[in-house]
Amino acid sequence: MIYLPVGKKIAVNTFVIRGDKIKTSWFNPRTGKTERTNSLKKQTIMNFVPPTTGLENDWVLILEEI
């Protein structure tokens, strides 16, 4: 899990995650709801953009190995 206090694009080094695919989800701490996304082919460095960006748009990125 990666907490973003401000909604913005981030680059994540996924070296320690095993497997060839990664399942991603975004948890919105303001509403308590999780937005699911598709599974992605794993790359060493992956870029992620939260559903909303800017100040007062904090998110938690959840990465799971498949």
C-alpha atoms as a PDB file:
ATOM      1  CA  MET A   1       0.000   0.000   0.000  1.00  0.00           C
ATOM      2  CA  ILE A   2       1.156   3.509  -0.820  1.00  0.00           C
ATOM      3  CA  TYR A   3      -0.472   6.569   0.739  1.00  0.00           C
ATOM      4  CA  LEU A   4      -0.642   9.716  -1.398  1.00  0.00           C
ATOM      5  CA  PRO A   5      -1.482  12.773   0.745  1.00  0.00           C
ATOM      6  CA  VAL A   6      -2.034  14.768  -2.472  1.00  0.00           C
ATOM      7  CA  GLY A   7      -3.494  13.225  -5.615  1.00  0.00           C
ATOM      8  CA  LYS A   8      -0.700  13.152  -8.192  1.00  0.00           C
ATOM      9  CA  LYS A   9       1.024  10.815 -10.620  1.00  0.00           C
ATOM     10  CA  ILE A  10       3.630   8.565  -9.002  1.00  0.00           C
ATOM     11  CA  ALA A  11       6.258   6.110 -10.218  1.00  0.00           C
ATOM     12  CA  VAL A  12       6.568   2.875  -8.230  1.00  0.00           C
ATOM     13  CA  ASN A  13       9.464   0.419  -8.256  1.00  0.00           C
ATOM     14  CA  THR A  14       7.724  -2.986  -8.234  1.00  0.00           C
ATOM     15  CA  PHE A  15      10.929  -5.044  -8.053  1.00  0.00           C
ATOM     16  CA  VAL A  16       9.953  -6.716  -4.752  1.00  0.00           C
ATOM     17  CA  ILE A  17       6.511  -7.809  -6.010  1.00  0.00           C
ATOM     18  CA  ARG A  18       6.591 -11.341  -7.345  1.00  0.00           C
ATOM     19  CA  GLY A  19       4.624 -12.550 -10.331  1.00  0.00           C
ATOM     20  CA  ASP A  20       4.102 -11.265 -13.842  1.00  0.00           C
ATOM     21  CA  LYS A  21       0.898  -9.337 -13.170  1.00  0.00           C
ATOM     22  CA  ILE A  22      -0.204  -6.808 -10.585  1.00  0.00           C
ATOM     23  CA  LYS A  23      -3.765  -6.094  -9.476  1.00  0.00           C
ATOM     24  CA  THR A  24      -4.280  -2.457  -8.520  1.00  0.00           C
ATOM     25  CA  SER A  25      -6.962  -0.723  -6.487  1.00  0.00           C
ATOM     26  CA  TRP A  26      -7.431   2.811  -5.223  1.00  0.00           C
ATOM     27  CA  PHE A  27      -8.823   3.314  -1.707  1.00  0.00           C
ATOM     28  CA  ASN A  28     -10.464   6.662  -1.027  1.00  0.00           C
ATOM     29  CA  PRO A  29      -9.948   7.479   2.685  1.00  0.00           C
ATOM     30  CA  ARG A  30     -12.479  10.312   2.463  1.00  0.00           C
ATOM     31  CA  THR A  31     -15.361   7.979   1.552  1.00  0.00           C
ATOM     32  CA  GLY A  32     -14.069   4.572   2.694  1.00  0.00           C
ATOM     33  CA  LYS A  33     -14.694   3.125  -0.784  1.00  0.00           C
ATOM     34  CA  THR A  34     -12.294   1.177  -2.994  1.00  0.00           C
ATOM     35  CA  GLU A  35     -12.124   1.584  -6.759  1.00  0.00           C
ATOM     36  CA  ARG A  36     -10.882  -1.531  -8.504  1.00  0.00           C
ATOM     37  CA  THR A  37      -8.893  -1.488 -11.720  1.00  0.00           C
ATOM     38  CA  ASN A  38      -7.722  -4.185 -14.090  1.00  0.00           C
ATOM     39  CA  SER A  39      -4.699  -6.372 -13.598  1.00  0.00           C
ATOM     40  CA  LEU A  40      -1.591  -5.055 -15.314  1.00  0.00           C
ATOM     41  CA  LYS A  41       1.529  -6.663 -16.697  1.00  0.00           C
ATOM     42  CA  LYS A  42       4.290  -5.999 -14.185  1.00  0.00           C
ATOM     43  CA  GLN A  43       7.178  -3.739 -15.156  1.00  0.00           C
ATOM     44  CA  THR A  44      10.068  -2.768 -12.885  1.00  0.00           C
ATOM     45  CA  ILE A  45       8.941   0.886 -12.760  1.00  0.00           C
ATOM     46  CA  MET A  46       5.233   1.569 -13.145  1.00  0.00           C
ATOM     47  CA  ASN A  47       3.380   4.893 -13.249  1.00  0.00           C
ATOM     48  CA  PHE A  48       0.020   5.355 -11.558  1.00  0.00           C
ATOM     49  CA  VAL A  49      -2.448   8.262 -11.579  1.00  0.00           C
ATOM     50  CA  PRO A  50      -5.173   8.371  -8.908  1.00  0.00           C
ATOM     51  CA  PRO A  51      -8.843   8.780  -9.908  1.00  0.00           C
ATOM     52  CA  THR A  52      -8.790  12.440  -8.776  1.00  0.00           C
ATOM     53  CA  THR A  53      -5.809  14.738  -8.434  1.00  0.00           C
ATOM     54  CA  GLY A  54      -4.802  17.866  -6.581  1.00  0.00           C
ATOM     55  CA  LEU A  55      -4.930  19.129  -3.026  1.00  0.00           C
ATOM     56  CA  GLU A  56      -7.407  17.492  -0.637  1.00  0.00           C
ATOM     57  CA  ASN A  57      -7.528  14.401  -2.874  1.00  0.00           C
ATOM     58  CA  ASP A  58      -5.602  11.861  -0.837  1.00  0.00           C
ATOM     59  CA  TRP A  59      -5.582   8.216  -1.971  1.00  0.00           C
ATOM     60  CA  VAL A  60      -4.129   4.841  -1.039  1.00  0.00           C
ATOM     61  CA  LEU A  61      -2.762   2.767  -3.918  1.00  0.00           C
ATOM     62  CA  ILE A  62      -3.084  -0.961  -3.251  1.00  0.00           C
ATOM     63  CA  LEU A  63      -0.822  -3.296  -5.250  1.00  0.00           C
ATOM     64  CA  GLU A  64      -1.326  -7.060  -5.132  1.00  0.00           C
ATOM     65  CA  GLU A  65       0.672  -9.755  -6.869  1.00  0.00           C
ATOM     66  CA  ILE A  66      -1.238 -12.190  -9.030  1.00  0.00           C
END
